[in-house]
Protein backbone atom coordinates (compact mmCIF):
# COMPACT_ATOMS: atom_id res chain seq x y z
CA MET A 1 21.69 4.98 26.14
CA SER A 2 18.98 6.12 28.51
CA LYS A 3 20.12 8.10 31.54
CA LEU A 4 17.40 9.32 33.87
CA VAL A 5 17.99 12.43 35.98
CA THR A 6 15.56 14.26 38.24
CA PRO A 7 14.49 17.87 37.56
CA ALA A 8 15.92 18.78 40.97
CA GLN A 9 19.34 17.47 39.92
CA LEU A 10 19.23 19.49 36.68
CA VAL A 11 18.47 22.63 38.68
CA ALA A 12 21.20 21.85 41.23
CA ASP A 13 23.76 21.32 38.47
CA ALA A 14 22.76 24.64 36.86
CA TYR A 15 23.43 26.44 40.15
CA VAL A 16 26.83 24.74 40.43
CA TYR A 17 27.85 25.66 36.86
CA ALA A 18 26.72 29.26 37.48
CA ASN A 19 28.51 29.32 40.87
CA MET A 20 25.33 30.50 42.54
CA THR A 21 23.63 29.55 45.80
CA GLN A 22 20.29 27.78 45.62
CA THR A 23 17.94 29.31 48.19
CA ALA A 24 14.43 30.71 48.17
CA ASN A 25 15.93 34.22 48.60
CA SER A 26 18.51 33.88 45.81
CA PHE A 27 18.47 36.38 42.94
CA ILE A 28 17.61 33.38 40.73
CA THR A 29 15.07 31.37 42.72
CA PRO A 30 14.76 27.59 42.28
CA ALA A 31 11.48 28.17 40.42
CA GLN A 32 13.19 30.55 38.01
CA ALA A 33 16.11 28.16 37.58
CA LEU A 34 13.65 25.37 36.74
CA ARG A 35 12.12 27.66 34.11
CA PHE A 36 15.56 28.09 32.51
CA VAL A 37 16.08 24.32 32.68
CA ASN A 38 12.78 23.68 30.91
CA LEU A 39 13.57 26.25 28.21
CA ALA A 40 16.95 24.61 27.63
CA ALA A 41 15.52 21.09 27.60
CA GLY A 42 12.88 22.13 25.07
CA GLU A 43 15.48 23.75 22.84
CA PHE A 44 17.80 20.76 22.83
CA TYR A 45 14.95 18.29 22.53
CA ASP A 46 14.52 19.89 19.12
CA LEU A 47 18.19 19.13 18.47
CA LEU A 48 17.74 15.37 18.70
CA VAL A 49 14.43 15.51 16.87
CA ALA A 50 15.97 17.51 14.01
CA ALA A 51 18.92 15.11 13.80
CA ARG A 52 16.46 12.40 12.67
CA GLY A 53 18.27 9.16 11.81
CA HIS A 54 16.97 6.43 14.13
CA GLU A 55 14.37 8.24 16.25
CA TYR A 56 14.92 8.27 20.01
CA TYR A 57 11.71 10.04 20.98
CA ILE A 58 8.77 8.48 19.14
CA SER A 59 5.19 7.54 19.94
CA GLU A 60 2.44 5.71 18.10
CA GLN A 61 -1.28 6.28 17.69
CA THR A 62 -3.84 3.88 16.20
CA ILE A 63 -6.69 5.54 14.31
CA PRO A 64 -9.77 3.43 13.49
CA ILE A 65 -10.90 5.12 10.28
CA VAL A 66 -14.60 4.70 9.47
CA GLY A 67 -16.56 5.43 6.34
CA GLY A 68 -17.96 8.94 6.07
CA THR A 69 -15.50 10.60 8.47
CA SER A 70 -12.38 12.35 7.19
CA ARG A 71 -11.02 14.16 10.28
CA TYR A 72 -9.60 12.54 13.43
CA ALA A 73 -8.08 14.08 16.55
CA LEU A 74 -4.32 14.23 16.92
CA PRO A 75 -2.83 13.01 20.22
CA ALA A 76 -2.66 15.71 22.89
CA ASP A 77 1.15 15.44 22.90
CA HIS A 78 1.58 15.55 19.11
CA TYR A 79 4.60 17.52 17.86
CA GLU A 80 5.66 16.15 14.46
CA THR A 81 4.20 13.43 12.26
CA LEU A 82 6.71 10.89 10.94
CA SER A 83 4.51 8.47 9.01
CA ILE A 84 0.98 7.18 8.58
CA THR A 85 0.21 3.69 7.27
CA LEU A 86 -3.07 1.93 6.50
CA ALA A 87 -3.49 -1.78 7.29
CA TRP A 88 -6.01 -3.21 4.81
CA GLY A 89 -5.26 -6.78 5.85
CA THR A 90 -2.44 -9.23 6.56
CA ASN A 91 0.66 -8.14 4.63
CA GLN A 92 -1.38 -5.34 3.03
CA VAL A 93 0.12 -2.20 4.55
CA GLU A 94 0.03 1.02 2.55
CA GLU A 95 1.98 4.18 3.39
CA LEU A 96 -0.03 7.37 3.14
CA ASP A 97 1.62 10.46 1.63
CA ASP A 98 0.95 13.97 2.86
CA ILE A 99 -0.96 16.41 0.68
CA SER A 100 1.77 18.92 -0.09
CA SER A 101 -0.38 22.06 0.07
CA VAL A 102 -3.86 22.92 1.27
CA ARG A 103 -4.47 24.22 -2.26
CA ASP A 104 -4.08 20.64 -3.52
CA ARG A 105 -7.09 19.37 -1.52
CA TRP A 106 -9.46 19.88 -4.46
CA GLN A 107 -7.63 17.23 -6.46
CA TYR A 108 -8.82 14.62 -3.94
CA LEU A 109 -12.41 15.86 -3.86
CA ASN A 110 -13.50 15.32 -7.46
CA GLY A 111 -14.29 11.67 -7.90
CA LEU A 112 -11.31 9.87 -6.36
CA GLN A 113 -12.32 6.69 -4.54
CA TRP A 114 -11.12 5.61 -1.09
CA THR A 115 -9.70 2.22 -2.08
CA GLN A 116 -6.47 0.38 -1.44
CA TRP A 117 -3.52 1.65 -3.52
CA ASN A 118 -5.62 4.43 -5.04
CA ASP A 119 -4.42 8.04 -4.71
CA LYS A 120 -5.09 9.33 -1.21
CA GLY A 121 -3.34 11.49 1.35
CA PHE A 122 -3.49 13.34 4.65
CA ARG A 123 -3.17 16.90 5.82
CA LEU A 124 -2.74 18.20 9.40
CA ARG A 125 -5.43 20.73 10.36
CA GLY A 126 -4.98 22.29 13.79
CA GLY A 127 -5.56 19.44 16.23
CA PHE A 128 -6.79 17.02 13.56
CA ILE A 129 -5.60 14.78 10.72
CA GLU A 130 -7.70 15.00 7.61
CA PHE A 131 -7.78 12.00 5.24
CA LEU A 132 -8.72 12.54 1.60
CA PRO A 133 -10.62 11.51 -0.40
CA LEU A 134 -13.45 11.04 2.09
CA PRO A 135 -13.06 7.50 3.52
CA SER A 136 -15.86 5.22 2.39
CA SER A 137 -14.74 2.07 4.22
CA ALA A 138 -13.18 1.12 7.53
CA VAL A 139 -9.41 0.64 7.84
CA THR A 140 -6.88 0.93 10.68
CA ALA A 141 -4.29 3.71 10.42
CA THR A 142 -1.05 3.71 12.41
CA HIS A 143 0.35 7.16 13.11
CA GLN A 144 4.04 7.40 14.07
CA TYR A 145 4.84 10.78 15.59
CA ILE A 146 7.24 12.76 17.76
CA PRO A 147 5.62 13.82 21.06
CA ALA A 148 6.04 17.39 22.28
CA PHE A 149 8.43 18.15 25.12
CA THR A 150 6.59 18.51 28.44
CA ASP A 151 7.88 20.94 31.04
CA MET A 152 9.33 19.28 34.11
CA VAL A 153 8.28 20.01 37.69
CA LEU A 154 10.33 19.62 40.84
CA GLY A 155 9.53 16.25 42.34
CA GLY A 156 8.02 15.12 39.06
CA THR A 157 9.03 12.61 36.40
CA SER A 158 12.74 12.13 35.74
CA PHE A 159 14.28 13.45 32.55
CA ASP A 160 16.02 11.12 30.07
CA GLY A 161 19.50 12.57 29.74
CA VAL A 162 20.49 10.22 26.88
CA ASN A 163 24.13 9.40 27.58
CA GLY A 164 25.01 12.66 29.37
CA TRP A 165 22.70 15.02 27.49
CA GLU A 166 21.56 16.51 30.81
CA ARG A 167 24.90 18.35 31.12
CA LEU A 168 23.98 20.39 28.05
CA VAL A 169 20.64 21.37 29.59
CA SER A 170 22.16 22.47 32.91
CA LEU A 171 24.95 24.42 31.19
CA LYS A 172 22.47 26.33 29.03
CA ALA A 173 20.33 27.08 32.07
CA ALA A 174 23.44 28.27 33.95
CA SER A 175 24.36 30.57 31.07
CA ASP A 176 20.86 32.10 31.11
CA MET A 177 21.03 32.49 34.88
CA LEU A 178 24.37 34.34 34.66
CA THR A 179 23.07 36.57 31.87
CA SER A 180 20.00 37.45 33.94
CA ALA A 181 22.25 38.34 36.87
CA ARG A 182 24.40 40.54 34.58
CA GLN A 183 27.41 38.32 35.18
CA LYS A 184 29.94 37.00 32.68
CA SER A 185 29.15 33.59 31.28
CA ASP A 186 32.20 33.07 29.04
CA ASP A 187 33.50 29.95 30.82
CA VAL A 188 30.06 28.35 30.93
CA ASP A 189 29.41 29.24 27.28
CA ALA A 190 32.68 27.62 26.24
CA LYS A 191 31.72 24.38 28.00
CA LEU A 192 28.25 24.65 26.48
CA ALA A 193 29.68 24.92 22.96
CA ARG A 194 31.87 21.82 23.44
CA GLU A 195 28.97 19.83 24.84
CA LEU A 196 26.67 20.98 22.05
CA GLN A 197 29.14 19.75 19.43
CA ARG A 198 29.41 16.37 21.18
CA ILE A 199 25.64 15.96 21.30
CA GLN A 200 25.21 16.93 17.66
CA GLU A 201 27.72 14.28 16.64
CA MET A 202 26.15 11.68 18.94
CA ALA A 203 22.64 12.35 17.64
CA ASP A 204 23.66 11.47 14.08
CA GLN A 205 25.37 8.22 15.05
CA ARG A 206 22.84 6.20 17.07
CA ALA A 207 23.17 3.34 14.59
CA ALA A 208 26.91 3.69 14.21
CA GLU A 209 27.35 1.00 11.54
CA HIS A 210 24.46 2.28 9.42
CA PRO A 211 25.15 5.72 7.92
CA ASN A 212 22.25 8.00 7.01
CA LYS A 213 20.81 7.41 3.55
CA ILE A 214 18.88 9.59 1.15
CA ARG A 215 15.39 8.16 0.66
CA ASP A 216 14.33 7.98 -2.99
CA VAL A 217 10.73 9.16 -3.21
CA PHE A 218 10.53 8.54 -6.99
CA PRO A 219 9.84 12.17 -7.96
CA GLU A 220 9.87 11.25 -11.64
CA GLN A 221 6.68 9.25 -11.18
CA GLY A 222 4.69 12.08 -9.63
CA ARG A 223 1.06 11.63 -8.66
CA ARG A 224 -1.86 10.57 -10.82
CA TYR A 225 -4.61 13.02 -9.96
CA TYR A 226 -8.23 12.85 -11.03
CA LEU A 227 -8.95 16.16 -12.80
CA GLY A 228 -12.58 15.61 -13.80
CA PRO A 229 -14.34 13.69 -16.57
CA PHE A 230 -12.07 12.71 -19.44
CA LYS A 231 -9.13 14.63 -17.96
CA ALA A 232 -7.32 11.92 -16.00
CA LEU A 233 -3.59 11.82 -16.61
CA PRO A 234 -2.41 8.75 -18.58
């Protein structure tokens, strides 16, 4: 469940775990401790993202696709794309597959038509999504994605500790603080390892009664590519 904690509390906890004093003249200043906290939070944000299952951190973008335009800007906070669907009408939603390699783009550029259920795909290009073949009609795309972690600032937005996850962040920051001060961090590292194991197990069990499943993507069907005149696969 959600558990909000302020950046200042994360920093304070890191000082406590490291048995250090938090002052402007400390060997590890509050600003440096916050940097360690942000590095730890970014690292373990990846942990929950990588665990997949039922996504905790997820955002949505609506893309109004228009004819004649194939590239659209990604959100400023984009990190990982989860899915893209096209809504052609009521109860007419089509999932869009990714183009596996940039070298496969040509197979969408030689006569394929931008129509419902026809072969089409997307490819991420820097800060853009490219849809192929070139769209020739308007349709609304819904882009489900994981937002990037944003560094915290003291006095800024609270951090979602997710059922005690903030302890992991402060312990990792404390370990880095002790290492920087050339002090032993064995006790903190032991607590960190136990907490890391707990979080890894928790991340996989958000929907406790619904175990993870392997999604069948029908590899035996493959894709039907247009290869030029009189060369279409049967």
